[in-house]
C-alpha atoms as a PDB file:
ATOM      1  CA  MET A   1       0.074  -0.257  -0.183  1.00  0.00           C
ATOM      2  CA  ASP A   2       1.668   3.150  -0.490  1.00  0.00           C
ATOM      3  CA  TRP A   3       2.340   5.199   2.031  1.00  0.00           C
ATOM      4  CA  LYS A   4       0.059   8.156   0.986  1.00  0.00           C
ATOM      5  CA  LEU A   5      -2.648   7.031   0.857  1.00  0.00           C
ATOM      6  CA  VAL A   6      -1.986   6.155   4.508  1.00  0.00           C
ATOM      7  CA  LEU A   7      -1.161   9.173   5.187  1.00  0.00           C
ATOM      8  CA  LEU A   8      -4.019  10.070   3.913  1.00  0.00           C
ATOM      9  CA  GLY A   9      -6.881   8.304   5.032  1.00  0.00           C
ATOM     10  CA  LEU A  10      -4.972   9.322   8.927  1.00  0.00           C
ATOM     11  CA  LEU A  11      -5.698  12.995   8.353  1.00  0.00           C
ATOM     12  CA  GLY A  12      -9.166  12.019   6.833  1.00  0.00           C
ATOM     13  CA  LEU A  13     -10.004  10.463   9.782  1.00  0.00           C
ATOM     14  CA  GLY A  14      -8.069  13.432  12.000  1.00  0.00           C
ATOM     15  CA  GLY A  15     -10.690  15.550   9.899  1.00  0.00           C
ATOM     16  CA  LEU A  16     -13.763  14.255  10.684  1.00  0.00           C
ATOM     17  CA  TYR A  17     -12.719  13.843  14.481  1.00  0.00           C
ATOM     18  CA  LEU A  18     -11.727  16.852  14.986  1.00  0.00           C
ATOM     19  CA  ILE A  19     -15.621  18.260  13.067  1.00  0.00           C
ATOM     20  CA  ALA A  20     -17.915  15.692  14.452  1.00  0.00           C
ATOM     21  CA  ASN A  21     -15.660  17.027  18.233  1.00  0.00           C
ATOM     22  CA  PHE A  22     -16.761  20.806  17.038  1.00  0.00           C
ATOM     23  CA  LEU A  23     -20.820  19.976  16.392  1.00  0.00           C
ATOM     24  CA  ILE A  24     -20.661  17.444  19.654  1.00  0.00           C
ATOM     25  CA  THR A  25     -19.995  19.730  21.794  1.00  0.00           C
ATOM     26  CA  PRO A  26     -22.346  21.935  21.851  1.00  0.00           C
ATOM     27  CA  PHE A  27     -25.351  19.790  21.628  1.00  0.00           C
ATOM     28  CA  ARG A  28     -23.950  18.522  24.551  1.00  0.00           C
ATOM     29  CA  TYR A  29     -23.823  21.552  26.252  1.00  0.00           C
ATOM     30  CA  LEU A  30     -27.844  22.013  25.126  1.00  0.00           C
ATOM     31  CA  CYS A  31     -28.381  18.705  26.787  1.00  0.00           C
ATOM     32  CA  ARG A  32     -27.373  19.818  29.753  1.00  0.00           C
ATOM     33  CA  VAL A  33     -29.030  22.997  29.762  1.00  0.00           C
ATOM     34  CA  LEU A  34     -32.492  21.248  29.744  1.00  0.00           C
ATOM     35  CA  GLY A  35     -31.584  18.382  31.240  1.00  0.00           C
ATOM     36  CA  TYR A  36     -31.414  21.405  34.176  1.00  0.00           C
ATOM     37  CA  ALA A  37     -34.415  23.505  33.502  1.00  0.00           C
ATOM     38  CA  LEU A  38     -36.358  19.688  33.580  1.00  0.00           C
ATOM     39  CA  VAL A  39     -35.007  19.710  36.841  1.00  0.00           C
ATOM     40  CA  GLY A  40     -35.975  23.287  37.657  1.00  0.00           C
ATOM     41  CA  VAL A  41     -39.186  22.469  36.692  1.00  0.00           C
ATOM     42  CA  ALA A  42     -39.303  18.889  38.807  1.00  0.00           C
ATOM     43  CA  LEU A  43     -38.925  21.312  41.793  1.00  0.00           C
ATOM     44  CA  LEU A  44     -41.119  23.649  41.278  1.00  0.00           C
ATOM     45  CA  VAL A  45     -43.944  21.518  40.614  1.00  0.00           C
ATOM     46  CA  VAL A  46     -42.623  19.508  43.752  1.00  0.00           C
ATOM     47  CA  VAL A  47     -43.101  23.178  45.643  1.00  0.00           C
ATOM     48  CA  ASN A  48     -46.130  24.472  43.996  1.00  0.00           C
ATOM     49  CA  LEU A  49     -48.194  20.693  44.286  1.00  0.00           C
ATOM     50  CA  GLY A  50     -47.011  21.401  48.275  1.00  0.00           C
ATOM     51  CA  GLY A  51     -48.041  24.519  48.124  1.00  0.00           C
ATOM     52  CA  ALA A  52     -51.939  24.218  46.745  1.00  0.00           C
ATOM     53  CA  LEU A  53     -52.696  23.134  51.019  1.00  0.00           C
ATOM     54  CA  VAL A  54     -51.383  26.922  51.805  1.00  0.00           C
ATOM     55  CA  GLY A  55     -52.601  28.973  48.741  1.00  0.00           C
ATOM     56  CA  PHE A  56     -48.731  29.235  47.952  1.00  0.00           C
ATOM     57  CA  HIS A  57     -47.910  29.148  43.885  1.00  0.00           C
ATOM     58  CA  ILE A  58     -44.598  30.299  42.099  1.00  0.00           C
ATOM     59  CA  PRO A  59     -45.390  30.542  38.381  1.00  0.00           C
ATOM     60  CA  LEU A  60     -44.018  28.924  36.026  1.00  0.00           C
ATOM     61  CA  ASN A  61     -42.058  30.807  33.557  1.00  0.00           C
ATOM     62  CA  ALA A  62     -38.160  31.687  32.387  1.00  0.00           C
ATOM     63  CA  PHE A  63     -37.154  32.907  35.030  1.00  0.00           C
ATOM     64  CA  THR A  64     -38.097  31.113  37.365  1.00  0.00           C
ATOM     65  CA  VAL A  65     -37.140  27.560  35.425  1.00  0.00           C
ATOM     66  CA  ILE A  66     -33.707  29.314  34.939  1.00  0.00           C
ATOM     67  CA  THR A  67     -32.693  30.490  38.023  1.00  0.00           C
ATOM     68  CA  ALA A  68     -34.299  26.814  39.540  1.00  0.00           C
ATOM     69  CA  GLY A  69     -32.385  25.128  36.868  1.00  0.00           C
ATOM     70  CA  ALA A  70     -29.608  26.346  36.921  1.00  0.00           C
ATOM     71  CA  LEU A  71     -29.060  26.765  41.542  1.00  0.00           C
ATOM     72  CA  GLN A  72     -31.021  23.843  41.609  1.00  0.00           C
ATOM     73  CA  VAL A  73     -32.690  23.359  45.700  1.00  0.00           C
ATOM     74  CA  PRO A  74     -31.050  27.157  46.601  1.00  0.00           C
ATOM     75  CA  GLY A  75     -32.506  28.614  43.577  1.00  0.00           C
ATOM     76  CA  VAL A  76     -36.862  27.214  44.510  1.00  0.00           C
ATOM     77  CA  GLY A  77     -35.189  28.371  47.978  1.00  0.00           C
ATOM     78  CA  LEU A  78     -34.741  32.098  47.146  1.00  0.00           C
ATOM     79  CA  LEU A  79     -37.673  31.683  44.843  1.00  0.00           C
ATOM     80  CA  VAL A  80     -39.791  30.769  47.911  1.00  0.00           C
ATOM     81  CA  LEU A  81     -38.334  33.337  49.574  1.00  0.00           C
ATOM     82  CA  MET A  82     -39.608  35.940  47.104  1.00  0.00           C
ATOM     83  CA  LYS A  83     -42.183  35.355  47.355  1.00  0.00           C
ATOM     84  CA  LEU A  84     -42.423  34.939  50.756  1.00  0.00           C
ATOM     85  CA  PHE A  85     -40.655  38.494  51.640  1.00  0.00           C
ATOM     86  CA  ILE A  86     -41.176  40.667  48.594  1.00  0.00           C
ATOM     87  CA  ILE A  87     -43.958  39.816  46.468  1.00  0.00           C
END
């Protein structure tokens, strides 16, 4: 087998690896952000179900979902405190 063909094949595989890595990395971050948002929504739903017994409700909007998703349990605690003391 000719060494030029082998070198060309290796360069092609290297380029394919770089392109795949370039496309996959943002997709991983997007999946991670969506996962955090789903966990945040689930936490807010749990708080709203528990708060329905005493008339407490945190609306599901972009701000609350991002806060609960990024900060998880402390974010939901922050939203509860904001609802109790500010609003």
